[in-house]
Structure formats: C-alpha cells, structure tokens
Amino acid sequence: MLRTIFMIGLFALAGLFVLRLAFGIFGVLFGLLTWLLIKAIWIAVIGAAIYLVIRIVSPSTARKLRERWSGTPAA
C-alpha cells in the first residue's frame, strides 16, 4: 500500500513537471502568436483608416484600389 501511494505521488510530480514544461514552451508560442495578432489588427485598422480617407477624398482612386485588390464587382 505504501508503494502504491509513493507511485501515485511520483506520477503526480512527473505530470506536474511535464505540464510545466509543456505550458512553458506553449506559453512562449502563445505570447508570440498574440503579439503577431495584435500587430496584424493594428495594421488592418491603419489600412482601413487610410482607405476611408482615400474614399472620402478621391472616390475614383478608391474604386481603382478596390478593383485592383478585389477584382471587378459582379453585375
């Protein structure tokens, strides 16, 4: 019985070690992906603001940009 209790404790400690190691590695990857996502959202917001200004100032230029990147609209 004592052996069983020690084995359960050993497996619990090994499990905690593996979880700490896994979440340490995944934590770095998660942080990097979060940072990249924030940068992508920031770039998208800036691009949308620039497009809005172009659309207000010069609608024909905005139409040309939209056709260049999205193709011609369906009739």
PDB file of N, CA and C in Angstrom:
ATOM      1  N   MET A   1       0.822  -1.191   0.000  1.00  0.00           N
ATOM      2  CA  MET A   1       0.000   0.000   0.000  1.00  0.00           C
ATOM      3  C   MET A   1       0.866   1.255   0.000  1.00  0.00           C
ATOM      4  N   LEU A   2       1.934   1.239   0.773  1.00  0.00           N
ATOM      5  CA  LEU A   2       2.834   2.389   0.805  1.00  0.00           C
ATOM      6  C   LEU A   2       3.480   2.604  -0.572  1.00  0.00           C
ATOM      7  N   ARG A   3       3.791   1.492  -1.224  1.00  0.00           N
ATOM      8  CA  ARG A   3       4.380   1.579  -2.558  1.00  0.00           C
ATOM      9  C   ARG A   3       3.398   2.232  -3.531  1.00  0.00           C
ATOM     10  N   THR A   4       2.132   1.899  -3.446  1.00  0.00           N
ATOM     11  CA  THR A   4       1.110   2.480  -4.315  1.00  0.00           C
ATOM     12  C   THR A   4       0.992   3.984  -4.080  1.00  0.00           C
ATOM     13  N   ILE A   5       1.014   4.398  -2.845  1.00  0.00           N
ATOM     14  CA  ILE A   5       0.917   5.826  -2.518  1.00  0.00           C
ATOM     15  C   ILE A   5       2.128   6.573  -3.073  1.00  0.00           C
ATOM     16  N   PHE A   6       3.317   5.999  -2.915  1.00  0.00           N
ATOM     17  CA  PHE A   6       4.515   6.650  -3.460  1.00  0.00           C
ATOM     18  C   PHE A   6       4.478   6.715  -4.987  1.00  0.00           C
ATOM     19  N   MET A   7       3.962   5.690  -5.640  1.00  0.00           N
ATOM     20  CA  MET A   7       3.879   5.689  -7.107  1.00  0.00           C
ATOM     21  C   MET A   7       2.886   6.751  -7.597  1.00  0.00           C
ATOM     22  N   ILE A   8       1.764   6.864  -6.900  1.00  0.00           N
ATOM     23  CA  ILE A   8       0.793   7.907  -7.267  1.00  0.00           C
ATOM     24  C   ILE A   8       1.428   9.281  -7.101  1.00  0.00           C
ATOM     25  N   GLY A   9       2.145   9.488  -6.024  1.00  0.00           N
ATOM     26  CA  GLY A   9       2.835  10.760  -5.804  1.00  0.00           C
ATOM     27  C   GLY A   9       3.898  11.007  -6.865  1.00  0.00           C
ATOM     28  N   LEU A  10       4.639   9.965  -7.232  1.00  0.00           N
ATOM     29  CA  LEU A  10       5.663  10.101  -8.258  1.00  0.00           C
ATOM     30  C   LEU A  10       5.055  10.461  -9.607  1.00  0.00           C
ATOM     31  N   PHE A  11       3.960   9.794  -9.963  1.00  0.00           N
ATOM     32  CA  PHE A  11       3.283  10.120 -11.216  1.00  0.00           C
ATOM     33  C   PHE A  11       2.694  11.532 -11.193  1.00  0.00           C
ATOM     34  N   ALA A  12       2.187  11.948 -10.055  1.00  0.00           N
ATOM     35  CA  ALA A  12       1.648  13.305  -9.933  1.00  0.00           C
ATOM     36  C   ALA A  12       2.759  14.342 -10.124  1.00  0.00           C
ATOM     37  N   LEU A  13       3.903  14.113  -9.495  1.00  0.00           N
ATOM     38  CA  LEU A  13       5.024  15.042  -9.663  1.00  0.00           C
ATOM     39  C   LEU A  13       5.539  15.048 -11.099  1.00  0.00           C
ATOM     40  N   ALA A  14       5.611  13.864 -11.708  1.00  0.00           N
ATOM     41  CA  ALA A  14       6.048  13.782 -13.108  1.00  0.00           C
ATOM     42  C   ALA A  14       5.053  14.510 -14.015  1.00  0.00           C
ATOM     43  N   GLY A  15       3.772  14.336 -13.738  1.00  0.00           N
ATOM     44  CA  GLY A  15       2.746  15.030 -14.513  1.00  0.00           C
ATOM     45  C   GLY A  15       2.846  16.536 -14.372  1.00  0.00           C
ATOM     46  N   LEU A  16       3.070  17.010 -13.161  1.00  0.00           N
ATOM     47  CA  LEU A  16       3.235  18.449 -12.949  1.00  0.00           C
ATOM     48  C   LEU A  16       4.468  18.984 -13.671  1.00  0.00           C
ATOM     49  N   PHE A  17       5.546  18.211 -13.663  1.00  0.00           N
ATOM     50  CA  PHE A  17       6.757  18.614 -14.360  1.00  0.00           C
ATOM     51  C   PHE A  17       6.506  18.715 -15.864  1.00  0.00           C
ATOM     52  N   VAL A  18       5.828  17.711 -16.421  1.00  0.00           N
ATOM     53  CA  VAL A  18       5.533  17.717 -17.862  1.00  0.00           C
ATOM     54  C   VAL A  18       4.601  18.876 -18.212  1.00  0.00           C
ATOM     55  N   LEU A  19       3.588  19.120 -17.392  1.00  0.00           N
ATOM     56  CA  LEU A  19       2.681  20.239 -17.654  1.00  0.00           C
ATOM     57  C   LEU A  19       3.417  21.576 -17.597  1.00  0.00           C
ATOM     58  N   ARG A  20       4.290  21.737 -16.622  1.00  0.00           N
ATOM     59  CA  ARG A  20       5.047  22.989 -16.519  1.00  0.00           C
ATOM     60  C   ARG A  20       5.952  23.175 -17.729  1.00  0.00           C
ATOM     61  N   LEU A  21       6.584  22.115 -18.167  1.00  0.00           N
ATOM     62  CA  LEU A  21       7.440  22.177 -19.340  1.00  0.00           C
ATOM     63  C   LEU A  21       6.624  22.491 -20.593  1.00  0.00           C
ATOM     64  N   ALA A  22       5.502  21.800 -20.770  1.00  0.00           N
ATOM     65  CA  ALA A  22       4.667  21.998 -21.953  1.00  0.00           C
ATOM     66  C   ALA A  22       4.096  23.419 -21.986  1.00  0.00           C
ATOM     67  N   PHE A  23       3.550  23.875 -20.867  1.00  0.00           N
ATOM     68  CA  PHE A  23       2.964  25.213 -20.862  1.00  0.00           C
ATOM     69  C   PHE A  23       4.042  26.292 -20.909  1.00  0.00           C
ATOM     70  N   GLY A  24       5.244  25.984 -20.496  1.00  0.00           N
ATOM     71  CA  GLY A  24       6.335  26.940 -20.654  1.00  0.00           C
ATOM     72  C   GLY A  24       6.664  27.155 -22.120  1.00  0.00           C
ATOM     73  N   ILE A  25       6.730  26.064 -22.870  1.00  0.00           N
ATOM     74  CA  ILE A  25       7.001  26.179 -24.305  1.00  0.00           C
ATOM     75  C   ILE A  25       5.801  26.781 -25.021  1.00  0.00           C
ATOM     76  N   PHE A  26       4.602  26.259 -24.723  1.00  0.00           N
ATOM     77  CA  PHE A  26       3.411  26.784 -25.375  1.00  0.00           C
ATOM     78  C   PHE A  26       3.113  28.209 -24.939  1.00  0.00           C
ATOM     79  N   GLY A  27       3.518  28.572 -23.749  1.00  0.00           N
ATOM     80  CA  GLY A  27       3.323  29.949 -23.293  1.00  0.00           C
ATOM     81  C   GLY A  27       4.102  30.934 -24.148  1.00  0.00           C
ATOM     82  N   VAL A  28       5.334  30.578 -24.495  1.00  0.00           N
ATOM     83  CA  VAL A  28       6.140  31.436 -25.369  1.00  0.00           C
ATOM     84  C   VAL A  28       5.498  31.526 -26.749  1.00  0.00           C
ATOM     85  N   LEU A  29       5.066  30.372 -27.290  1.00  0.00           N
ATOM     86  CA  LEU A  29       4.415  30.380 -28.598  1.00  0.00           C
ATOM     87  C   LEU A  29       3.102  31.163 -28.563  1.00  0.00           C
ATOM     88  N   PHE A  30       2.341  30.988 -27.491  1.00  0.00           N
ATOM     89  CA  PHE A  30       1.083  31.724 -27.354  1.00  0.00           C
ATOM     90  C   PHE A  30       1.340  33.225 -27.272  1.00  0.00           C
ATOM     91  N   GLY A  31       2.375  33.615 -26.532  1.00  0.00           N
ATOM     92  CA  GLY A  31       2.729  35.031 -26.449  1.00  0.00           C
ATOM     93  C   GLY A  31       3.142  35.593 -27.801  1.00  0.00           C
ATOM     94  N   LEU A  32       3.915  34.832 -28.554  1.00  0.00           N
ATOM     95  CA  LEU A  32       4.338  35.273 -29.885  1.00  0.00           C
ATOM     96  C   LEU A  32       3.150  35.401 -30.822  1.00  0.00           C
ATOM     97  N   LEU A  33       2.250  34.420 -30.806  1.00  0.00           N
ATOM     98  CA  LEU A  33       1.069  34.493 -31.661  1.00  0.00           C
ATOM     99  C   LEU A  33       0.153  35.647 -31.267  1.00  0.00           C
ATOM    100  N   THR A  34       0.031  35.905 -29.982  1.00  0.00           N
ATOM    101  CA  THR A  34      -0.778  37.036 -29.526  1.00  0.00           C
ATOM    102  C   THR A  34      -0.174  38.351 -29.995  1.00  0.00           C
ATOM    103  N   TRP A  35       1.148  38.468 -29.891  1.00  0.00           N
ATOM    104  CA  TRP A  35       1.829  39.679 -30.341  1.00  0.00           C
ATOM    105  C   TRP A  35       1.617  39.875 -31.848  1.00  0.00           C
ATOM    106  N   LEU A  36       1.749  38.801 -32.628  1.00  0.00           N
ATOM    107  CA  LEU A  36       1.536  38.897 -34.072  1.00  0.00           C
ATOM    108  C   LEU A  36       0.088  39.261 -34.399  1.00  0.00           C
ATOM    109  N   LEU A  37      -0.862  38.714 -33.653  1.00  0.00           N
ATOM    110  CA  LEU A  37      -2.268  39.037 -33.875  1.00  0.00           C
ATOM    111  C   LEU A  37      -2.543  40.511 -33.590  1.00  0.00           C
ATOM    112  N   ILE A  38      -1.980  41.033 -32.526  1.00  0.00           N
ATOM    113  CA  ILE A  38      -2.165  42.447 -32.193  1.00  0.00           C
ATOM    114  C   ILE A  38      -1.575  43.334 -33.288  1.00  0.00           C
ATOM    115  N   LYS A  39      -0.371  42.968 -33.786  1.00  0.00           N
ATOM    116  CA  LYS A  39       0.243  43.740 -34.874  1.00  0.00           C
ATOM    117  C   LYS A  39      -0.610  43.681 -36.137  1.00  0.00           C
ATOM    118  N   ALA A  40      -1.161  42.506 -36.463  1.00  0.00           N
ATOM    119  CA  ALA A  40      -1.992  42.367 -37.660  1.00  0.00           C
ATOM    120  C   ALA A  40      -3.263  43.207 -37.546  1.00  0.00           C
ATOM    121  N   ILE A  41      -3.876  43.210 -36.368  1.00  0.00           N
ATOM    122  CA  ILE A  41      -5.074  44.031 -36.169  1.00  0.00           C
ATOM    123  C   ILE A  41      -4.731  45.509 -36.287  1.00  0.00           C
ATOM    124  N   TRP A  42      -3.591  45.911 -35.726  1.00  0.00           N
ATOM    125  CA  TRP A  42      -3.160  47.306 -35.794  1.00  0.00           C
ATOM    126  C   TRP A  42      -2.941  47.728 -37.252  1.00  0.00           C
ATOM    127  N   ILE A  43      -2.287  46.893 -38.043  1.00  0.00           N
ATOM    128  CA  ILE A  43      -2.042  47.194 -39.454  1.00  0.00           C
ATOM    129  C   ILE A  43      -3.366  47.253 -40.220  1.00  0.00           C
ATOM    130  N   ALA A  44      -4.299  46.359 -39.913  1.00  0.00           N
ATOM    131  CA  ALA A  44      -5.600  46.373 -40.578  1.00  0.00           C
ATOM    132  C   ALA A  44      -6.375  47.648 -40.249  1.00  0.00           C
ATOM    133  N   VAL A  45      -6.310  48.109 -39.014  1.00  0.00           N
ATOM    134  CA  VAL A  45      -7.006  49.339 -38.623  1.00  0.00           C
ATOM    135  C   VAL A  45      -6.399  50.540 -39.335  1.00  0.00           C
ATOM    136  N   ILE A  46      -5.074  50.594 -39.398  1.00  0.00           N
ATOM    137  CA  ILE A  46      -4.417  51.708 -40.089  1.00  0.00           C
ATOM    138  C   ILE A  46      -4.758  51.685 -41.582  1.00  0.00           C
ATOM    139  N   GLY A  47      -4.733  50.493 -42.195  1.00  0.00           N
ATOM    140  CA  GLY A  47      -5.092  50.370 -43.609  1.00  0.00           C
ATOM    141  C   GLY A  47      -6.523  50.785 -43.870  1.00  0.00           C
ATOM    142  N   ALA A  48      -7.434  50.395 -42.986  1.00  0.00           N
ATOM    143  CA  ALA A  48      -8.836  50.780 -43.145  1.00  0.00           C
ATOM    144  C   ALA A  48      -9.006  52.293 -43.012  1.00  0.00           C
ATOM    145  N   ALA A  49      -8.272  52.905 -42.096  1.00  0.00           N
ATOM    146  CA  ALA A  49      -8.362  54.361 -41.930  1.00  0.00           C
ATOM    147  C   ALA A  49      -7.828  55.077 -43.174  1.00  0.00           C
ATOM    148  N   ILE A  50      -6.718  54.592 -43.716  1.00  0.00           N
ATOM    149  CA  ILE A  50      -6.163  55.197 -44.931  1.00  0.00           C
ATOM    150  C   ILE A  50      -7.129  55.040 -46.092  1.00  0.00           C
ATOM    151  N   TYR A  51      -7.728  53.842 -46.228  1.00  0.00           N
ATOM    152  CA  TYR A  51      -8.697  53.606 -47.295  1.00  0.00           C
ATOM    153  C   TYR A  51      -9.911  54.510 -47.126  1.00  0.00           C
ATOM    154  N   LEU A  52     -10.368  54.713 -45.899  1.00  0.00           N
ATOM    155  CA  LEU A  52     -11.520  55.597 -45.658  1.00  0.00           C
ATOM    156  C   LEU A  52     -11.208  57.022 -46.091  1.00  0.00           C
ATOM    157  N   VAL A  53     -10.008  57.494 -45.757  1.00  0.00           N
ATOM    158  CA  VAL A  53      -9.619  58.849 -46.163  1.00  0.00           C
ATOM    159  C   VAL A  53      -9.562  58.944 -47.683  1.00  0.00           C
ATOM    160  N   ILE A  54      -8.970  57.939 -48.339  1.00  0.00           N
ATOM    161  CA  ILE A  54      -8.900  57.954 -49.806  1.00  0.00           C
ATOM    162  C   ILE A  54     -10.305  57.915 -50.400  1.00  0.00           C
ATOM    163  N   ARG A  55     -11.193  57.131 -49.787  1.00  0.00           N
ATOM    164  CA  ARG A  55     -12.554  57.020 -50.302  1.00  0.00           C
ATOM    165  C   ARG A  55     -13.304  58.344 -50.178  1.00  0.00           C
ATOM    166  N   ILE A  56     -13.043  59.094 -49.127  1.00  0.00           N
ATOM    167  CA  ILE A  56     -13.705  60.392 -48.951  1.00  0.00           C
ATOM    168  C   ILE A  56     -13.101  61.435 -49.886  1.00  0.00           C
ATOM    169  N   VAL A  57     -11.773  61.462 -49.976  1.00  0.00           N
ATOM    170  CA  VAL A  57     -11.088  62.489 -50.766  1.00  0.00           C
ATOM    171  C   VAL A  57     -11.189  62.210 -52.259  1.00  0.00           C
ATOM    172  N   SER A  58     -10.995  60.964 -52.673  1.00  0.00           N
ATOM    173  CA  SER A  58     -10.978  60.621 -54.085  1.00  0.00           C
ATOM    174  C   SER A  58     -11.685  59.285 -54.319  1.00  0.00           C
ATOM    175  N   PRO A  59     -12.994  59.326 -54.547  1.00  0.00           N
ATOM    176  CA  PRO A  59     -13.743  58.076 -54.732  1.00  0.00           C
ATOM    177  C   PRO A  59     -13.266  57.254 -55.933  1.00  0.00           C
ATOM    178  N   SER A  60     -12.794  57.908 -56.996  1.00  0.00           N
ATOM    179  CA  SER A  60     -12.342  57.152 -58.172  1.00  0.00           C
ATOM    180  C   SER A  60     -11.073  56.364 -57.851  1.00  0.00           C
ATOM    181  N   THR A  61     -10.188  56.936 -57.072  1.00  0.00           N
ATOM    182  CA  THR A  61      -8.976  56.216 -56.663  1.00  0.00           C
ATOM    183  C   THR A  61      -9.348  55.036 -55.772  1.00  0.00           C
ATOM    184  N   ALA A  62     -10.311  55.238 -54.881  1.00  0.00           N
ATOM    185  CA  ALA A  62     -10.763  54.146 -54.012  1.00  0.00           C
ATOM    186  C   ALA A  62     -11.377  53.026 -54.848  1.00  0.00           C
ATOM    187  N   ARG A  63     -12.133  53.385 -55.897  1.00  0.00           N
ATOM    188  CA  ARG A  63     -12.723  52.376 -56.773  1.00  0.00           C
ATOM    189  C   ARG A  63     -11.638  51.591 -57.498  1.00  0.00           C
ATOM    190  N   LYS A  64     -10.595  52.292 -57.975  1.00  0.00           N
ATOM    191  CA  LYS A  64      -9.484  51.621 -58.650  1.00  0.00           C
ATOM    192  C   LYS A  64      -8.756  50.669 -57.696  1.00  0.00           C
ATOM    193  N   LEU A  65      -8.539  51.109 -56.449  1.00  0.00           N
ATOM    194  CA  LEU A  65      -7.893  50.240 -55.465  1.00  0.00           C
ATOM    195  C   LEU A  65      -8.744  49.007 -55.170  1.00  0.00           C
ATOM    196  N   ARG A  66     -10.048  49.216 -55.034  1.00  0.00           N
ATOM    197  CA  ARG A  66     -10.948  48.106 -54.747  1.00  0.00           C
ATOM    198  C   ARG A  66     -10.950  47.115 -55.904  1.00  0.00           C
ATOM    199  N   GLU A  67     -10.971  47.620 -57.159  1.00  0.00           N
ATOM    200  CA  GLU A  67     -10.938  46.725 -58.322  1.00  0.00           C
ATOM    201  C   GLU A  67      -9.597  46.007 -58.425  1.00  0.00           C
ATOM    202  N   ARG A  68      -8.530  46.670 -58.051  1.00  0.00           N
ATOM    203  CA  ARG A  68      -7.193  46.052 -58.132  1.00  0.00           C
ATOM    204  C   ARG A  68      -7.060  44.899 -57.152  1.00  0.00           C
ATOM    205  N   TRP A  69      -7.549  45.093 -55.927  1.00  0.00           N
ATOM    206  CA  TRP A  69      -7.363  44.077 -54.898  1.00  0.00           C
ATOM    207  C   TRP A  69      -8.495  43.072 -54.825  1.00  0.00           C
ATOM    208  N   SER A  70      -9.706  43.451 -55.222  1.00  0.00           N
ATOM    209  CA  SER A  70     -10.853  42.546 -55.108  1.00  0.00           C
ATOM    210  C   SER A  70     -11.358  42.049 -56.447  1.00  0.00           C
ATOM    211  N   GLY A  71     -10.899  42.615 -57.519  1.00  0.00           N
ATOM    212  CA  GLY A  71     -11.433  42.265 -58.827  1.00  0.00           C
ATOM    213  C   GLY A  71     -12.633  43.131 -59.121  1.00  0.00           C
ATOM    214  N   THR A  72     -13.161  42.999 -60.318  1.00  0.00           N
ATOM    215  CA  THR A  72     -14.310  43.812 -60.712  1.00  0.00           C
ATOM    216  C   THR A  72     -15.557  43.273 -60.000  1.00  0.00           C
ATOM    217  N   PRO A  73     -16.445  44.168 -59.588  1.00  0.00           N
ATOM    218  CA  PRO A  73     -17.644  43.710 -58.895  1.00  0.00           C
ATOM    219  C   PRO A  73     -18.576  42.954 -59.839  1.00  0.00           C
ATOM    220  N   ALA A  74     -19.288  41.984 -59.302  1.00  0.00           N
ATOM    221  CA  ALA A  74     -20.232  41.204 -60.118  1.00  0.00           C
ATOM    222  C   ALA A  74     -21.438  42.075 -60.455  1.00  0.00           C
ATOM    223  N   ALA A  75     -21.900  41.951 -61.696  1.00  0.00           N
ATOM    224  CA  ALA A  75     -23.014  42.778 -62.161  1.00  0.00           C
ATOM    225  C   ALA A  75     -24.340  42.221 -61.727  1.00  0.00           C
TER     226      ALA A  75
END
